[in-house]
Structures are given as structure tokens and as C-alpha cells.
Amino acid sequence: TCLCILSYLPWFEVFYKLLNNLADYLAKAQVNEIKALLAALHKQSIPMADGSITLQMIPYFIAPDPRNLPSIPENRNLTELIVAVDVGNLLQLYASMLFERRILIFASKLSTLTSCVHALSAALYPMYWQHI
């Protein structure tokens, strides 16, 4: 069984906790609870930054504030990037991103690759480029 959340929202920590809750239900073969949870989530509107969603089945989720800078250890992606890439290479990556160079990133695990790419993207905040 594969559980996957597709969203345009970069709420990695919220989705990580949600997937863990769903995995717990799945491990206990509580299919009805999974369906009820997903139906309840689907009915919820997207909360504002720092807003929360409270459901009967699981603890509440707080929408992350997009204005906050990523921090360790709260940001799982940034933590994984720091573990996977040494400081020298991390500085080289960051400089290359600022100079808009082409960057090829690879990893032995897809989850590590995904986390690192999202963390590097978040590291550019609050800067942005209109053409990206």
C-alpha cells in the first residue's frame, strides 16, 4: 500500500504527521477510520497562516506561516539537507543557486533527494525571482 499526498501547499511537516496517522490506522487495519479522516479533511477549508484544523479522530494541525524562515530541527527537510550535505558543498550549492547556475542533485534515496531539493528551495526565502 502506498499513501501519497499531492498538494500545491508546502506543508511538509503537516503532511508528514498526517501520513504517520494514516499509517497507524493502516497498520491496525482500521480502514473505516482512514476513510472518515480523509472525508473530514476533504470537507475542511484551507486555514490561514498559523490557523488550525481540529478533527475528532486526530490532534489538530496548524498551518505553517509562510513568512517564517525554515529552522532546524522543526523543518525536517532542512535537517535532512544538513545531514546529507557537508558545509562546503552546501555553501557551493547556495552560491550556485544565487548565481542561477544549473545544478544537478542526486541521492541514493528518493526521499533524501526530495527533502534536499525542497530545503534548498526554502533556503532562498524571502528572495524570489519573477521568472521562476
C-alpha atoms as a PDB file:
ATOM      1  CA  THR A   1       0.000   0.000   0.000  1.00  0.00           C
ATOM      2  CA  CYS A   2       1.244   3.446  -0.879  1.00  0.00           C
ATOM      3  CA  LEU A   3      -0.055   6.639   0.694  1.00  0.00           C
ATOM      4  CA  CYS A   4       0.676   9.847  -1.185  1.00  0.00           C
ATOM      5  CA  ILE A   5      -0.478  13.425  -0.636  1.00  0.00           C
ATOM      6  CA  LEU A   6      -0.382  15.734  -3.638  1.00  0.00           C
ATOM      7  CA  SER A   7      -0.734  19.411  -2.828  1.00  0.00           C
ATOM      8  CA  TYR A   8       0.429  22.791  -4.013  1.00  0.00           C
ATOM      9  CA  LEU A   9       0.912  23.747  -0.346  1.00  0.00           C
ATOM     10  CA  PRO A  10       4.466  23.288   1.013  1.00  0.00           C
ATOM     11  CA  TRP A  11       3.228  21.964   4.376  1.00  0.00           C
ATOM     12  CA  PHE A  12       5.741  19.156   4.673  1.00  0.00           C
ATOM     13  CA  GLU A  13       5.567  18.795   8.454  1.00  0.00           C
ATOM     14  CA  VAL A  14       1.756  18.744   8.477  1.00  0.00           C
ATOM     15  CA  PHE A  15       1.624  16.153   5.712  1.00  0.00           C
ATOM     16  CA  TYR A  16       4.308  14.071   7.438  1.00  0.00           C
ATOM     17  CA  LYS A  17       2.236  13.942  10.634  1.00  0.00           C
ATOM     18  CA  LEU A  18      -0.920  13.178   8.665  1.00  0.00           C
ATOM     19  CA  LEU A  19       0.761  10.319   6.793  1.00  0.00           C
ATOM     20  CA  ASN A  20       2.026   8.911  10.094  1.00  0.00           C
ATOM     21  CA  ASN A  21      -1.515   8.959  11.495  1.00  0.00           C
ATOM     22  CA  LEU A  22      -2.842   7.281   8.355  1.00  0.00           C
ATOM     23  CA  ALA A  23      -0.059   4.672   8.535  1.00  0.00           C
ATOM     24  CA  ASP A  24      -1.034   3.917  12.152  1.00  0.00           C
ATOM     25  CA  TYR A  25      -4.638   3.344  11.098  1.00  0.00           C
ATOM     26  CA  LEU A  26      -3.459   1.204   8.187  1.00  0.00           C
ATOM     27  CA  ALA A  27      -1.213  -0.921  10.430  1.00  0.00           C
ATOM     28  CA  LYS A  28      -4.201  -1.597  12.684  1.00  0.00           C
ATOM     29  CA  ALA A  29      -6.424  -2.362   9.658  1.00  0.00           C
ATOM     30  CA  GLN A  30      -8.777   0.494  10.596  1.00  0.00           C
ATOM     31  CA  VAL A  31      -9.938   1.233   7.069  1.00  0.00           C
ATOM     32  CA  ASN A  32     -13.176   2.911   8.170  1.00  0.00           C
ATOM     33  CA  GLU A  33     -11.192   5.366  10.311  1.00  0.00           C
ATOM     34  CA  ILE A  34      -8.956   6.194   7.346  1.00  0.00           C
ATOM     35  CA  LYS A  35     -11.968   6.878   5.151  1.00  0.00           C
ATOM     36  CA  ALA A  36     -13.603   9.002   7.867  1.00  0.00           C
ATOM     37  CA  LEU A  37     -10.416  11.009   8.418  1.00  0.00           C
ATOM     38  CA  LEU A  38      -9.862  11.651   4.721  1.00  0.00           C
ATOM     39  CA  ALA A  39     -13.514  12.627   4.241  1.00  0.00           C
ATOM     40  CA  ALA A  40     -13.330  15.042   7.193  1.00  0.00           C
ATOM     41  CA  LEU A  41     -10.123  16.587   5.846  1.00  0.00           C
ATOM     42  CA  HIS A  42     -11.616  16.952   2.385  1.00  0.00           C
ATOM     43  CA  LYS A  43     -14.528  18.946   3.818  1.00  0.00           C
ATOM     44  CA  GLN A  44     -12.221  21.366   5.659  1.00  0.00           C
ATOM     45  CA  SER A  45     -11.285  24.674   4.093  1.00  0.00           C
ATOM     46  CA  ILE A  46      -7.621  25.611   3.943  1.00  0.00           C
ATOM     47  CA  PRO A  47      -6.729  27.568   7.092  1.00  0.00           C
ATOM     48  CA  MET A  48      -4.937  30.902   7.007  1.00  0.00           C
ATOM     49  CA  ALA A  49      -1.273  31.045   8.044  1.00  0.00           C
ATOM     50  CA  ASP A  50      -0.945  29.893  11.668  1.00  0.00           C
ATOM     51  CA  GLY A  51      -4.609  28.788  11.561  1.00  0.00           C
ATOM     52  CA  SER A  52      -5.531  25.350  12.796  1.00  0.00           C
ATOM     53  CA  ILE A  53      -7.765  22.439  11.886  1.00  0.00           C
ATOM     54  CA  THR A  54      -9.201  20.297  14.656  1.00  0.00           C
ATOM     55  CA  LEU A  55     -10.664  16.881  13.929  1.00  0.00           C
ATOM     56  CA  GLN A  56     -12.196  14.363  16.305  1.00  0.00           C
ATOM     57  CA  MET A  57     -10.003  11.481  15.148  1.00  0.00           C
ATOM     58  CA  ILE A  58      -6.556  13.074  15.475  1.00  0.00           C
ATOM     59  CA  PRO A  59      -4.883  16.030  17.169  1.00  0.00           C
ATOM     60  CA  TYR A  60      -5.161  19.367  15.448  1.00  0.00           C
ATOM     61  CA  PHE A  61      -2.898  20.530  12.637  1.00  0.00           C
ATOM     62  CA  ILE A  62      -1.524  24.057  12.449  1.00  0.00           C
ATOM     63  CA  ALA A  63      -0.945  25.608   9.042  1.00  0.00           C
ATOM     64  CA  PRO A  64       2.657  26.806   8.809  1.00  0.00           C
ATOM     65  CA  ASP A  65       3.304  30.534   8.437  1.00  0.00           C
ATOM     66  CA  PRO A  66       4.885  31.038   5.001  1.00  0.00           C
ATOM     67  CA  ARG A  67       6.655  34.191   6.265  1.00  0.00           C
ATOM     68  CA  ASN A  68       8.764  32.251   8.782  1.00  0.00           C
ATOM     69  CA  LEU A  69      12.259  31.163   7.865  1.00  0.00           C
ATOM     70  CA  PRO A  70      12.957  27.416   7.979  1.00  0.00           C
ATOM     71  CA  SER A  71      14.733  26.266  11.123  1.00  0.00           C
ATOM     72  CA  ILE A  72      16.386  23.148  12.491  1.00  0.00           C
ATOM     73  CA  PRO A  73      15.086  20.752  13.894  1.00  0.00           C
ATOM     74  CA  GLU A  74      11.498  21.883  13.194  1.00  0.00           C
ATOM     75  CA  ASN A  75      11.972  21.719   9.430  1.00  0.00           C
ATOM     76  CA  ARG A  76      12.516  18.064   8.560  1.00  0.00           C
ATOM     77  CA  ASN A  77      13.727  18.866   5.034  1.00  0.00           C
ATOM     78  CA  LEU A  78      16.361  21.333   6.209  1.00  0.00           C
ATOM     79  CA  THR A  79      17.559  18.887   8.853  1.00  0.00           C
ATOM     80  CA  GLU A  80      17.942  16.150   6.244  1.00  0.00           C
ATOM     81  CA  LEU A  81      19.840  18.535   3.942  1.00  0.00           C
ATOM     82  CA  ILE A  82      22.304  19.424   6.712  1.00  0.00           C
ATOM     83  CA  VAL A  83      22.855  15.725   7.455  1.00  0.00           C
ATOM     84  CA  ALA A  84      23.257  14.756   3.780  1.00  0.00           C
ATOM     85  CA  VAL A  85      25.476  17.610   2.529  1.00  0.00           C
ATOM     86  CA  ASP A  86      28.678  18.873   4.162  1.00  0.00           C
ATOM     87  CA  VAL A  87      29.090  22.597   4.848  1.00  0.00           C
ATOM     88  CA  GLY A  88      31.465  23.288   1.958  1.00  0.00           C
ATOM     89  CA  ASN A  89      29.181  21.695  -0.616  1.00  0.00           C
ATOM     90  CA  LEU A  90      26.141  23.361   0.942  1.00  0.00           C
ATOM     91  CA  LEU A  91      27.737  26.797   0.543  1.00  0.00           C
ATOM     92  CA  GLN A  92      28.677  25.938  -3.039  1.00  0.00           C
ATOM     93  CA  LEU A  93      25.098  24.836  -3.752  1.00  0.00           C
ATOM     94  CA  TYR A  94      23.667  28.009  -2.227  1.00  0.00           C
ATOM     95  CA  ALA A  95      26.050  30.236  -4.189  1.00  0.00           C
ATOM     96  CA  SER A  96      25.214  28.357  -7.387  1.00  0.00           C
ATOM     97  CA  MET A  97      21.505  28.887  -6.779  1.00  0.00           C
ATOM     98  CA  LEU A  98      22.044  32.613  -6.217  1.00  0.00           C
ATOM     99  CA  PHE A  99      24.012  32.817  -9.466  1.00  0.00           C
ATOM    100  CA  GLU A 100      21.184  30.907 -11.210  1.00  0.00           C
ATOM    101  CA  ARG A 101      23.503  28.142 -12.311  1.00  0.00           C
ATOM    102  CA  ARG A 102      22.299  24.755 -13.432  1.00  0.00           C
ATOM    103  CA  ILE A 103      22.509  22.281 -10.594  1.00  0.00           C
ATOM    104  CA  LEU A 104      22.349  18.508 -10.756  1.00  0.00           C
ATOM    105  CA  ILE A 105      21.440  16.876  -7.452  1.00  0.00           C
ATOM    106  CA  PHE A 106      21.382  13.126  -6.923  1.00  0.00           C
ATOM    107  CA  ALA A 107      20.949  10.822  -3.948  1.00  0.00           C
ATOM    108  CA  SER A 108      20.704   7.112  -3.285  1.00  0.00           C
ATOM    109  CA  LYS A 109      17.224   7.549  -1.771  1.00  0.00           C
ATOM    110  CA  LEU A 110      14.345   9.409  -3.384  1.00  0.00           C
ATOM    111  CA  SER A 111      13.143  10.714  -0.012  1.00  0.00           C
ATOM    112  CA  THR A 112      16.551  12.285   0.684  1.00  0.00           C
ATOM    113  CA  LEU A 113      16.648  13.845  -2.765  1.00  0.00           C
ATOM    114  CA  THR A 114      13.156  15.285  -2.358  1.00  0.00           C
ATOM    115  CA  SER A 115      13.898  16.665   1.103  1.00  0.00           C
ATOM    116  CA  CYS A 116      17.125  18.283  -0.049  1.00  0.00           C
ATOM    117  CA  VAL A 117      15.541  19.930  -3.082  1.00  0.00           C
ATOM    118  CA  HIS A 118      12.680  21.325  -1.009  1.00  0.00           C
ATOM    119  CA  ALA A 119      15.111  22.537   1.670  1.00  0.00           C
ATOM    120  CA  LEU A 120      17.294  24.281  -0.904  1.00  0.00           C
ATOM    121  CA  SER A 121      14.221  25.946  -2.348  1.00  0.00           C
ATOM    122  CA  ALA A 122      13.149  27.091   1.122  1.00  0.00           C
ATOM    123  CA  ALA A 123      16.664  28.404   1.817  1.00  0.00           C
ATOM    124  CA  LEU A 124      16.177  31.036  -0.876  1.00  0.00           C
ATOM    125  CA  TYR A 125      13.245  32.561   1.003  1.00  0.00           C
ATOM    126  CA  PRO A 126      12.473  35.514   1.224  1.00  0.00           C
ATOM    127  CA  MET A 127      14.196  36.120  -2.107  1.00  0.00           C
ATOM    128  CA  TYR A 128      12.284  35.301  -5.261  1.00  0.00           C
ATOM    129  CA  TRP A 129      12.670  35.613  -8.983  1.00  0.00           C
ATOM    130  CA  GLN A 130       9.722  36.729 -11.071  1.00  0.00           C
ATOM    131  CA  HIS A 131      10.633  34.442 -13.951  1.00  0.00           C
ATOM    132  CA  ILE A 132      10.677  31.302 -11.776  1.00  0.00           C
END
